[in-house]
Amino acid sequence: MHSQKSNEFTDQGTLYLIPTPIGNLEDMTFRAIRLMKEADLIAAEDTRNTKKLCTHFDIPTPLASYHEHNKETSGRQLVERLLKGDNIALVSDAGMPCISDPGYEIVQAAIEADIAVIPVPGPNAALTALIASGINPQPFYFYGFLPRGKKERKAELEKLKRQDGAILLYEAPHRLKDTLKDMAAVWGDREIVLCRELTKKFEEFLRGTLFSAVEWAEKGEIRGEFCIVIEGSSDPNSGEGPPWWGLLGLKEHVEHYIVNESLTSKEAIKRTANDRQLPKRKVYEAYHIQGK
């Protein structure tokens, strides 16, 4: 085991991980402001956004860019400065560095170079949503953003299906509707809370069931960034529960197999009839006749 005594003096610099507000500037802590002022450099996900924060709190420290697309080159440069004795504050645009934001690689590189890494507590969207959700907060599983592709997203949802703790997800407004549909198809109905615009002027908590959330997304206006809190499986050892196709009509059920499993319409109708324990004739009519 390797011990890091965070307040022990060394000739090397220190990497501070500093959370920034997720919407309300009053959530910036005194310690975070002090450390950003005292640092030799602030490594920021987007220097334009961080510049606004620094201007608001009168922080004169120079900024350097550290983001997903330059992390390898920038990371080496930051480690070199830390080894020379510079203290660096790492921040993301909002919330905790490293949580669905850049930071993990520079933290890992600093640790490998025996540089002290000191975290500062502060704002985090997932935990903020969890404690206000009304869903049992312990245990919980934080996932972050699901894959954008439908096939990959459903595969990840299948892996999460048996989680017995609350599941925390992030989602962008333009993908929320499709994500909710896929969650309902794979998981069936569960309690869910959609947390929108946390700490901001239009903060909103939408509480209900997953099926009702799908209906809301079809009719409502989806705006703002979302954190999703959904209850875990009531019996993680059992596959019982509402069927994955519970929200689909017969025609949509058939089309699922045609699009996602490349079946012919004849094969898809047969599979749909088996799933629903219906005569193939009824499924055929729904797909070929009523669906026109």
C-alpha atoms as a PDB file:
ATOM      1  CA  MET A   1       0.000   0.000   0.000  1.00  0.00           C
ATOM      2  CA  HIS A   2       1.157   3.506  -0.809  1.00  0.00           C
ATOM      3  CA  SER A   3       0.307   6.306   1.598  1.00  0.00           C
ATOM      4  CA  GLN A   4      -0.449   9.871   0.518  1.00  0.00           C
ATOM      5  CA  LYS A   5      -0.462  12.348   3.389  1.00  0.00           C
ATOM      6  CA  SER A   6      -2.220  15.213   1.710  1.00  0.00           C
ATOM      7  CA  ASN A   7      -0.944  17.992   3.949  1.00  0.00           C
ATOM      8  CA  GLU A   8       2.662  16.832   4.084  1.00  0.00           C
ATOM      9  CA  PHE A   9       5.072  19.304   2.464  1.00  0.00           C
ATOM     10  CA  THR A  10       7.025  18.148  -0.629  1.00  0.00           C
ATOM     11  CA  ASP A  11       9.029  19.847  -3.360  1.00  0.00           C
ATOM     12  CA  GLN A  12       6.421  18.805  -5.896  1.00  0.00           C
ATOM     13  CA  GLY A  13       3.166  20.539  -6.625  1.00  0.00           C
ATOM     14  CA  THR A  14      -0.323  19.361  -5.729  1.00  0.00           C
ATOM     15  CA  LEU A  15      -3.245  18.549  -8.020  1.00  0.00           C
ATOM     16  CA  TYR A  16      -6.494  19.883  -6.550  1.00  0.00           C
ATOM     17  CA  LEU A  17      -9.808  18.525  -7.865  1.00  0.00           C
ATOM     18  CA  ILE A  18     -12.280  21.362  -7.475  1.00  0.00           C
ATOM     19  CA  PRO A  19     -16.038  21.110  -8.142  1.00  0.00           C
ATOM     20  CA  THR A  20     -17.809  24.081  -9.678  1.00  0.00           C
ATOM     21  CA  PRO A  21     -21.517  25.031  -9.454  1.00  0.00           C
ATOM     22  CA  ILE A  22     -23.965  23.032 -11.584  1.00  0.00           C
ATOM     23  CA  GLY A  23     -26.182  26.076 -12.018  1.00  0.00           C
ATOM     24  CA  ASN A  24     -26.190  28.303  -8.945  1.00  0.00           C
ATOM     25  CA  LEU A  25     -23.019  30.316  -8.338  1.00  0.00           C
ATOM     26  CA  GLU A  26     -23.810  30.511  -4.613  1.00  0.00           C
ATOM     27  CA  ASP A  27     -22.854  26.835  -4.372  1.00  0.00           C
ATOM     28  CA  MET A  28     -19.168  27.697  -4.857  1.00  0.00           C
ATOM     29  CA  THR A  29     -17.369  27.085  -1.550  1.00  0.00           C
ATOM     30  CA  PHE A  30     -14.940  29.420   0.229  1.00  0.00           C
ATOM     31  CA  ARG A  31     -12.254  26.735   0.077  1.00  0.00           C
ATOM     32  CA  ALA A  32     -12.707  26.192  -3.660  1.00  0.00           C
ATOM     33  CA  ILE A  33     -12.346  29.924  -4.343  1.00  0.00           C
ATOM     34  CA  ARG A  34      -9.256  30.188  -2.117  1.00  0.00           C
ATOM     35  CA  LEU A  35      -7.499  27.224  -3.738  1.00  0.00           C
ATOM     36  CA  MET A  36      -8.252  28.493  -7.244  1.00  0.00           C
ATOM     37  CA  LYS A  37      -6.735  31.863  -6.283  1.00  0.00           C
ATOM     38  CA  GLU A  38      -3.668  30.278  -4.697  1.00  0.00           C
ATOM     39  CA  ALA A  39      -3.012  27.801  -7.537  1.00  0.00           C
ATOM     40  CA  ASP A  40      -0.314  28.505 -10.115  1.00  0.00           C
ATOM     41  CA  LEU A  41      -2.630  27.291 -12.874  1.00  0.00           C
ATOM     42  CA  ILE A  42      -6.271  26.303 -13.405  1.00  0.00           C
ATOM     43  CA  ALA A  43      -6.777  23.413 -15.840  1.00  0.00           C
ATOM     44  CA  ALA A  44     -10.257  23.843 -17.279  1.00  0.00           C
ATOM     45  CA  GLU A  45     -12.536  21.769 -19.505  1.00  0.00           C
ATOM     46  CA  ASP A  46     -13.590  24.945 -21.322  1.00  0.00           C
ATOM     47  CA  THR A  47     -11.541  28.033 -20.533  1.00  0.00           C
ATOM     48  CA  ARG A  48     -14.328  30.323 -21.774  1.00  0.00           C
ATOM     49  CA  ASN A  49     -16.784  29.009 -19.197  1.00  0.00           C
ATOM     50  CA  THR A  50     -14.217  28.964 -16.400  1.00  0.00           C
ATOM     51  CA  LYS A  51     -13.154  32.524 -17.259  1.00  0.00           C
ATOM     52  CA  LYS A  52     -16.687  33.685 -16.457  1.00  0.00           C
ATOM     53  CA  LEU A  53     -16.515  31.892 -13.097  1.00  0.00           C
ATOM     54  CA  CYS A  54     -13.117  33.406 -12.339  1.00  0.00           C
ATOM     55  CA  THR A  55     -14.320  36.891 -13.251  1.00  0.00           C
ATOM     56  CA  HIS A  56     -17.339  36.545 -10.951  1.00  0.00           C
ATOM     57  CA  PHE A  57     -15.184  35.536  -7.978  1.00  0.00           C
ATOM     58  CA  ASP A  58     -12.213  37.758  -8.842  1.00  0.00           C
ATOM     59  CA  ILE A  59      -9.817  34.846  -9.423  1.00  0.00           C
ATOM     60  CA  PRO A  60      -6.756  36.060 -11.404  1.00  0.00           C
ATOM     61  CA  THR A  61      -5.058  32.644 -11.851  1.00  0.00           C
ATOM     62  CA  PRO A  62      -4.003  31.772 -15.438  1.00  0.00           C
ATOM     63  CA  LEU A  63      -6.096  29.176 -17.282  1.00  0.00           C
ATOM     64  CA  ALA A  64      -5.033  26.226 -19.410  1.00  0.00           C
ATOM     65  CA  SER A  65      -7.222  23.970 -21.535  1.00  0.00           C
ATOM     66  CA  TYR A  66      -7.659  20.333 -20.479  1.00  0.00           C
ATOM     67  CA  HIS A  67     -10.480  18.474 -22.210  1.00  0.00           C
ATOM     68  CA  GLU A  68     -11.397  15.187 -23.862  1.00  0.00           C
ATOM     69  CA  HIS A  69      -9.638  15.971 -27.148  1.00  0.00           C
ATOM     70  CA  ASN A  70      -6.281  17.237 -25.834  1.00  0.00           C
ATOM     71  CA  LYS A  71      -5.999  15.312 -22.560  1.00  0.00           C
ATOM     72  CA  GLU A  72      -2.992  13.247 -23.634  1.00  0.00           C
ATOM     73  CA  THR A  73      -0.793  16.172 -24.684  1.00  0.00           C
ATOM     74  CA  SER A  74      -2.106  18.593 -22.075  1.00  0.00           C
ATOM     75  CA  GLY A  75      -1.923  15.926 -19.367  1.00  0.00           C
ATOM     76  CA  ARG A  76       1.816  15.400 -19.908  1.00  0.00           C
ATOM     77  CA  GLN A  77       2.422  19.135 -19.732  1.00  0.00           C
ATOM     78  CA  LEU A  78       0.431  19.440 -16.504  1.00  0.00           C
ATOM     79  CA  VAL A  79       2.344  16.577 -14.869  1.00  0.00           C
ATOM     80  CA  GLU A  80       5.642  18.246 -15.833  1.00  0.00           C
ATOM     81  CA  ARG A  81       4.536  21.458 -14.135  1.00  0.00           C
ATOM     82  CA  LEU A  82       3.408  19.555 -11.045  1.00  0.00           C
ATOM     83  CA  LEU A  83       6.783  17.811 -10.830  1.00  0.00           C
ATOM     84  CA  LYS A  84       8.485  21.237 -10.964  1.00  0.00           C
ATOM     85  CA  GLY A  85       6.458  22.393  -7.965  1.00  0.00           C
ATOM     86  CA  ASP A  86       3.421  24.163  -9.446  1.00  0.00           C
ATOM     87  CA  ASN A  87       0.042  23.681  -7.783  1.00  0.00           C
ATOM     88  CA  ILE A  88      -2.762  23.046 -10.279  1.00  0.00           C
ATOM     89  CA  ALA A  89      -6.528  23.281  -9.783  1.00  0.00           C
ATOM     90  CA  LEU A  90      -8.508  20.983 -12.097  1.00  0.00           C
ATOM     91  CA  VAL A  91     -12.089  22.041 -12.819  1.00  0.00           C
ATOM     92  CA  SER A  92     -14.830  20.982 -15.237  1.00  0.00           C
ATOM     93  CA  ASP A  93     -17.606  23.161 -16.627  1.00  0.00           C
ATOM     94  CA  ALA A  94     -20.009  22.107 -13.876  1.00  0.00           C
ATOM     95  CA  GLY A  95     -19.871  19.709 -10.958  1.00  0.00           C
ATOM     96  CA  MET A  96     -17.139  17.243 -10.028  1.00  0.00           C
ATOM     97  CA  PRO A  97     -14.125  16.692 -12.285  1.00  0.00           C
ATOM     98  CA  CYS A  98     -13.851  13.059 -13.445  1.00  0.00           C
ATOM     99  CA  ILE A  99     -17.607  12.357 -13.073  1.00  0.00           C
ATOM    100  CA  SER A 100     -18.830  12.176 -16.697  1.00  0.00           C
ATOM    101  CA  ASP A 101     -16.222  14.885 -17.296  1.00  0.00           C
ATOM    102  CA  PRO A 102     -12.476  14.930 -18.068  1.00  0.00           C
ATOM    103  CA  GLY A 103     -10.021  14.306 -15.236  1.00  0.00           C
ATOM    104  CA  TYR A 104      -9.503  10.597 -14.607  1.00  0.00           C
ATOM    105  CA  GLU A 105      -6.389  10.291 -16.785  1.00  0.00           C
ATOM    106  CA  ILE A 106      -4.578  13.267 -15.227  1.00  0.00           C
ATOM    107  CA  VAL A 107      -5.417  11.979 -11.742  1.00  0.00           C
ATOM    108  CA  GLN A 108      -4.012   8.569 -12.658  1.00  0.00           C
ATOM    109  CA  ALA A 109      -0.871  10.120 -14.169  1.00  0.00           C
ATOM    110  CA  ALA A 110      -0.324  12.284 -11.091  1.00  0.00           C
ATOM    111  CA  ILE A 111      -0.643   9.309  -8.749  1.00  0.00           C
ATOM    112  CA  GLU A 112       1.826   7.298 -10.847  1.00  0.00           C
ATOM    113  CA  ALA A 113       4.268  10.223 -10.577  1.00  0.00           C
ATOM    114  CA  ASP A 114       3.814  10.263  -6.772  1.00  0.00           C
ATOM    115  CA  ILE A 115       2.118  13.660  -6.890  1.00  0.00           C
ATOM    116  CA  ALA A 116      -0.459  14.440  -4.195  1.00  0.00           C
ATOM    117  CA  VAL A 117      -4.065  14.540  -5.447  1.00  0.00           C
ATOM    118  CA  ILE A 118      -6.429  16.403  -3.117  1.00  0.00           C
ATOM    119  CA  PRO A 119     -10.208  16.361  -3.687  1.00  0.00           C
ATOM    120  CA  VAL A 120     -12.395  19.265  -2.588  1.00  0.00           C
ATOM    121  CA  PRO A 121     -16.056  18.478  -1.793  1.00  0.00           C
ATOM    122  CA  GLY A 122     -18.775  20.340  -3.617  1.00  0.00           C
ATOM    123  CA  PRO A 123     -21.625  20.241  -6.159  1.00  0.00           C
ATOM    124  CA  ASN A 124     -22.573  17.019  -7.951  1.00  0.00           C
ATOM    125  CA  ALA A 125     -25.721  16.624 -10.034  1.00  0.00           C
ATOM    126  CA  ALA A 126     -26.254  12.891  -9.452  1.00  0.00           C
ATOM    127  CA  LEU A 127     -26.185  13.016  -5.653  1.00  0.00           C
ATOM    128  CA  THR A 128     -28.198  16.242  -5.610  1.00  0.00           C
ATOM    129  CA  ALA A 129     -30.912  14.470  -7.608  1.00  0.00           C
ATOM    130  CA  LEU A 130     -30.753  11.290  -5.534  1.00  0.00           C
ATOM    131  CA  ILE A 131     -31.343  12.850  -2.129  1.00  0.00           C
ATOM    132  CA  ALA A 132     -34.409  14.768  -3.372  1.00  0.00           C
ATOM    133  CA  SER A 133     -35.880  11.945  -5.437  1.00  0.00           C
ATOM    134  CA  GLY A 134     -37.762  10.128  -2.698  1.00  0.00           C
ATOM    135  CA  ILE A 135     -36.323   6.836  -3.973  1.00  0.00           C
ATOM    136  CA  ASN A 136     -34.332   4.816  -1.432  1.00  0.00           C
ATOM    137  CA  PRO A 137     -30.787   6.253  -1.770  1.00  0.00           C
ATOM    138  CA  GLN A 138     -28.883   3.251  -0.443  1.00  0.00           C
ATOM    139  CA  PRO A 139     -27.470   1.414  -2.234  1.00  0.00           C
ATOM    140  CA  PHE A 140     -27.217   3.293  -5.501  1.00  0.00           C
ATOM    141  CA  TYR A 141     -25.425   2.772  -8.800  1.00  0.00           C
ATOM    142  CA  PHE A 142     -24.166   5.728 -10.823  1.00  0.00           C
ATOM    143  CA  TYR A 143     -23.834   5.071 -14.549  1.00  0.00           C
ATOM    144  CA  GLY A 144     -23.708   8.498 -16.211  1.00  0.00           C
ATOM    145  CA  PHE A 145     -24.612   8.823 -19.902  1.00  0.00           C
ATOM    146  CA  LEU A 146     -25.899   5.751 -21.725  1.00  0.00           C
ATOM    147  CA  PRO A 147     -24.533   5.033 -25.244  1.00  0.00           C
ATOM    148  CA  ARG A 148     -26.114   7.079 -28.031  1.00  0.00           C
ATOM    149  CA  GLY A 149     -26.726   4.137 -30.372  1.00  0.00           C
ATOM    150  CA  LYS A 150     -29.989   2.269 -29.828  1.00  0.00           C
ATOM    151  CA  LYS A 151     -28.453  -1.199 -29.973  1.00  0.00           C
ATOM    152  CA  GLU A 152     -25.613  -0.312 -27.604  1.00  0.00           C
ATOM    153  CA  ARG A 153     -27.985   1.514 -25.251  1.00  0.00           C
ATOM    154  CA  LYS A 154     -30.300  -1.493 -24.952  1.00  0.00           C
ATOM    155  CA  ALA A 155     -27.328  -3.768 -24.328  1.00  0.00           C
ATOM    156  CA  GLU A 156     -26.237  -1.597 -21.377  1.00  0.00           C
ATOM    157  CA  LEU A 157     -29.791  -1.460 -20.031  1.00  0.00           C
ATOM    158  CA  GLU A 158     -29.883  -5.269 -20.078  1.00  0.00           C
ATOM    159  CA  LYS A 159     -26.744  -5.295 -17.928  1.00  0.00           C
ATOM    160  CA  LEU A 160     -28.346  -2.867 -15.470  1.00  0.00           C
ATOM    161  CA  LYS A 161     -31.663  -4.728 -15.337  1.00  0.00           C
ATOM    162  CA  ARG A 162     -30.843  -6.716 -12.163  1.00  0.00           C
ATOM    163  CA  GLN A 163     -29.333  -3.830 -10.186  1.00  0.00           C
ATOM    164  CA  ASP A 164     -31.123  -3.786  -6.824  1.00  0.00           C
ATOM    165  CA  GLY A 165     -30.094  -0.232  -5.880  1.00  0.00           C
ATOM    166  CA  ALA A 166     -31.272   3.083  -7.271  1.00  0.00           C
ATOM    167  CA  ILE A 167     -29.775   3.782 -10.712  1.00  0.00           C
ATOM    168  CA  LEU A 168     -28.535   7.270 -11.590  1.00  0.00           C
ATOM    169  CA  LEU A 169     -28.252   8.386 -15.208  1.00  0.00           C
ATOM    170  CA  TYR A 170     -27.544  11.615 -17.069  1.00  0.00           C
ATOM    171  CA  GLU A 171     -29.312  12.419 -20.326  1.00  0.00           C
ATOM    172  CA  ALA A 172     -29.485  15.241 -22.847  1.00  0.00           C
ATOM    173  CA  PRO A 173     -32.951  16.632 -23.721  1.00  0.00           C
ATOM    174  CA  HIS A 174     -32.863  15.538 -27.391  1.00  0.00           C
ATOM    175  CA  ARG A 175     -32.202  11.900 -26.401  1.00  0.00           C
ATOM    176  CA  LEU A 176     -34.488  11.656 -23.367  1.00  0.00           C
ATOM    177  CA  LYS A 177     -37.576  10.367 -25.213  1.00  0.00           C
ATOM    178  CA  ASP A 178     -35.744   7.482 -26.886  1.00  0.00           C
ATOM    179  CA  THR A 179     -33.874   6.614 -23.704  1.00  0.00           C
ATOM    180  CA  LEU A 180     -37.101   6.391 -21.678  1.00  0.00           C
ATOM    181  CA  LYS A 181     -38.706   4.173 -24.330  1.00  0.00           C
ATOM    182  CA  ASP A 182     -35.749   1.812 -24.283  1.00  0.00           C
ATOM    183  CA  MET A 183     -35.699   1.740 -20.477  1.00  0.00           C
ATOM    184  CA  ALA A 184     -39.393   0.833 -20.405  1.00  0.00           C
ATOM    185  CA  ALA A 185     -38.934  -1.831 -23.082  1.00  0.00           C
ATOM    186  CA  VAL A 186     -36.059  -3.506 -21.223  1.00  0.00           C
ATOM    187  CA  TRP A 187     -36.976  -2.918 -17.574  1.00  0.00           C
ATOM    188  CA  GLY A 188     -40.765  -2.712 -17.560  1.00  0.00           C
ATOM    189  CA  ASP A 189     -42.516  -0.276 -15.217  1.00  0.00           C
ATOM    190  CA  ARG A 190     -40.686   1.167 -12.193  1.00  0.00           C
ATOM    191  CA  GLU A 191     -40.692   4.281 -10.044  1.00  0.00           C
ATOM    192  CA  ILE A 192     -38.702   7.088 -11.652  1.00  0.00           C
ATOM    193  CA  VAL A 193     -37.809  10.713 -11.023  1.00  0.00           C
ATOM    194  CA  LEU A 194     -36.720  13.042 -13.819  1.00  0.00           C
ATOM    195  CA  CYS A 195     -34.682  15.893 -12.343  1.00  0.00           C
ATOM    196  CA  ARG A 196     -34.406  18.876 -14.647  1.00  0.00           C
ATOM    197  CA  GLU A 197     -32.209  21.996 -14.440  1.00  0.00           C
ATOM    198  CA  LEU A 198     -30.929  21.218 -10.924  1.00  0.00           C
ATOM    199  CA  THR A 199     -30.146  24.307  -8.781  1.00  0.00           C
ATOM    200  CA  LYS A 200     -31.252  26.597 -11.633  1.00  0.00           C
ATOM    201  CA  LYS A 201     -34.250  28.916 -12.013  1.00  0.00           C
ATOM    202  CA  PHE A 202     -36.420  26.277 -13.717  1.00  0.00           C
ATOM    203  CA  GLU A 203     -35.478  23.350 -11.470  1.00  0.00           C
ATOM    204  CA  GLU A 204     -38.164  20.673 -11.661  1.00  0.00           C
ATOM    205  CA  PHE A 205     -38.721  17.154 -10.304  1.00  0.00           C
ATOM    206  CA  LEU A 206     -41.066  14.898 -12.292  1.00  0.00           C
ATOM    207  CA  ARG A 207     -42.019  11.892 -10.150  1.00  0.00           C
ATOM    208  CA  GLY A 208     -44.016   8.882 -11.283  1.00  0.00           C
ATOM    209  CA  THR A 209     -43.653   5.561 -13.072  1.00  0.00           C
ATOM    210  CA  LEU A 210     -41.478   4.766 -16.069  1.00  0.00           C
ATOM    211  CA  PHE A 211     -44.519   4.162 -18.283  1.00  0.00           C
ATOM    212  CA  SER A 212     -46.009   7.522 -17.285  1.00  0.00           C
ATOM    213  CA  ALA A 213     -42.628   9.169 -17.992  1.00  0.00           C
ATOM    214  CA  VAL A 214     -42.724   7.759 -21.538  1.00  0.00           C
ATOM    215  CA  GLU A 215     -46.199   9.259 -22.008  1.00  0.00           C
ATOM    216  CA  TRP A 216     -45.027  12.607 -20.611  1.00  0.00           C
ATOM    217  CA  ALA A 217     -42.041  12.672 -22.972  1.00  0.00           C
ATOM    218  CA  GLU A 218     -44.354  12.087 -25.947  1.00  0.00           C
ATOM    219  CA  LYS A 219     -46.551  15.056 -25.068  1.00  0.00           C
ATOM    220  CA  GLY A 220     -44.456  17.415 -22.938  1.00  0.00           C
ATOM    221  CA  GLU A 221     -41.819  19.951 -23.903  1.00  0.00           C
ATOM    222  CA  ILE A 222     -38.391  18.491 -23.139  1.00  0.00           C
ATOM    223  CA  ARG A 223     -35.917  21.196 -22.215  1.00  0.00           C
ATOM    224  CA  GLY A 224     -32.802  21.346 -20.065  1.00  0.00           C
ATOM    225  CA  GLU A 225     -30.291  18.768 -18.873  1.00  0.00           C
ATOM    226  CA  PHE A 226     -31.724  15.771 -17.006  1.00  0.00           C
ATOM    227  CA  CYS A 227     -30.562  13.565 -14.184  1.00  0.00           C
ATOM    228  CA  ILE A 228     -32.646  10.384 -13.966  1.00  0.00           C
ATOM    229  CA  VAL A 229     -33.165   8.454 -10.739  1.00  0.00           C
ATOM    230  CA  ILE A 230     -34.924   5.102 -11.099  1.00  0.00           C
ATOM    231  CA  GLU A 231     -35.578   2.416  -8.528  1.00  0.00           C
ATOM    232  CA  GLY A 232     -33.611  -0.795  -8.800  1.00  0.00           C
ATOM    233  CA  SER A 233     -34.968  -4.272  -9.406  1.00  0.00           C
ATOM    234  CA  SER A 234     -37.224  -5.506  -6.605  1.00  0.00           C
ATOM    235  CA  ASP A 235     -35.809  -9.003  -7.128  1.00  0.00           C
ATOM    236  CA  PRO A 236     -32.398  -8.923  -8.825  1.00  0.00           C
ATOM    237  CA  ASN A 237     -32.341 -12.742  -9.003  1.00  0.00           C
ATOM    238  CA  SER A 238     -35.568 -12.960 -10.932  1.00  0.00           C
ATOM    239  CA  GLY A 239     -36.339 -12.068 -14.521  1.00  0.00           C
ATOM    240  CA  GLU A 240     -40.023 -11.644 -13.689  1.00  0.00           C
ATOM    241  CA  GLY A 241     -41.727  -8.341 -14.352  1.00  0.00           C
ATOM    242  CA  PRO A 242     -43.575  -6.566 -17.139  1.00  0.00           C
ATOM    243  CA  PRO A 243     -42.448  -7.764 -20.619  1.00  0.00           C
ATOM    244  CA  TRP A 244     -39.983  -5.646 -22.557  1.00  0.00           C
ATOM    245  CA  TRP A 245     -42.608  -5.103 -25.268  1.00  0.00           C
ATOM    246  CA  GLY A 246     -45.247  -3.856 -22.828  1.00  0.00           C
ATOM    247  CA  LEU A 247     -45.453  -0.367 -24.371  1.00  0.00           C
ATOM    248  CA  LEU A 248     -45.368  -1.533 -27.980  1.00  0.00           C
ATOM    249  CA  GLY A 249     -48.358  -2.097 -30.228  1.00  0.00           C
ATOM    250  CA  LEU A 250     -48.484  -5.241 -32.354  1.00  0.00           C
ATOM    251  CA  LYS A 251     -47.113  -3.468 -35.439  1.00  0.00           C
ATOM    252  CA  GLU A 252     -44.268  -1.881 -33.428  1.00  0.00           C
ATOM    253  CA  HIS A 253     -43.509  -5.263 -31.845  1.00  0.00           C
ATOM    254  CA  VAL A 254     -43.084  -6.858 -35.285  1.00  0.00           C
ATOM    255  CA  GLU A 255     -41.011  -3.925 -36.538  1.00  0.00           C
ATOM    256  CA  HIS A 256     -38.694  -4.282 -33.537  1.00  0.00           C
ATOM    257  CA  TYR A 257     -37.617  -7.713 -34.730  1.00  0.00           C
ATOM    258  CA  ILE A 258     -37.305  -6.598 -38.358  1.00  0.00           C
ATOM    259  CA  VAL A 259     -35.165  -3.552 -37.535  1.00  0.00           C
ATOM    260  CA  ASN A 260     -33.131  -4.792 -34.563  1.00  0.00           C
ATOM    261  CA  GLU A 261     -32.716  -8.495 -35.362  1.00  0.00           C
ATOM    262  CA  SER A 262     -32.941  -8.375 -39.174  1.00  0.00           C
ATOM    263  CA  LEU A 263     -35.780 -10.909 -39.324  1.00  0.00           C
ATOM    264  CA  THR A 264     -38.143 -11.198 -42.270  1.00  0.00           C
ATOM    265  CA  SER A 265     -41.684  -9.997 -41.684  1.00  0.00           C
ATOM    266  CA  LYS A 266     -42.841 -13.630 -41.583  1.00  0.00           C
ATOM    267  CA  GLU A 267     -40.272 -14.536 -38.915  1.00  0.00           C
ATOM    268  CA  ALA A 268     -40.994 -11.353 -36.936  1.00  0.00           C
ATOM    269  CA  ILE A 269     -44.744 -12.054 -36.931  1.00  0.00           C
ATOM    270  CA  LYS A 270     -44.097 -15.566 -35.631  1.00  0.00           C
ATOM    271  CA  ARG A 271     -41.822 -14.291 -32.838  1.00  0.00           C
ATOM    272  CA  THR A 272     -44.333 -11.606 -31.870  1.00  0.00           C
ATOM    273  CA  ALA A 273     -47.163 -14.151 -31.758  1.00  0.00           C
ATOM    274  CA  ASN A 274     -45.038 -16.404 -29.522  1.00  0.00           C
ATOM    275  CA  ASP A 275     -44.135 -13.521 -27.208  1.00  0.00           C
ATOM    276  CA  ARG A 276     -47.751 -12.508 -26.746  1.00  0.00           C
ATOM    277  CA  GLN A 277     -49.307 -15.972 -26.940  1.00  0.00           C
ATOM    278  CA  LEU A 278     -51.552 -14.793 -29.793  1.00  0.00           C
ATOM    279  CA  PRO A 279     -52.633 -16.465 -33.042  1.00  0.00           C
ATOM    280  CA  LYS A 280     -50.276 -15.582 -35.896  1.00  0.00           C
ATOM    281  CA  ARG A 281     -53.285 -14.507 -37.948  1.00  0.00           C
ATOM    282  CA  LYS A 282     -54.092 -11.732 -35.483  1.00  0.00           C
ATOM    283  CA  VAL A 283     -50.517 -10.398 -35.565  1.00  0.00           C
ATOM    284  CA  TYR A 284     -50.447 -10.700 -39.378  1.00  0.00           C
ATOM    285  CA  GLU A 285     -53.619  -8.630 -39.680  1.00  0.00           C
ATOM    286  CA  ALA A 286     -52.321  -5.990 -37.288  1.00  0.00           C
ATOM    287  CA  TYR A 287     -49.083  -5.644 -39.235  1.00  0.00           C
ATOM    288  CA  HIS A 288     -50.199  -5.983 -42.843  1.00  0.00           C
ATOM    289  CA  ILE A 289     -53.801  -4.790 -42.786  1.00  0.00           C
ATOM    290  CA  GLN A 290     -54.576  -2.588 -39.780  1.00  0.00           C
ATOM    291  CA  GLY A 291     -51.110  -1.026 -39.926  1.00  0.00           C
ATOM    292  CA  LYS A 292     -51.691   0.414 -43.430  1.00  0.00           C
END
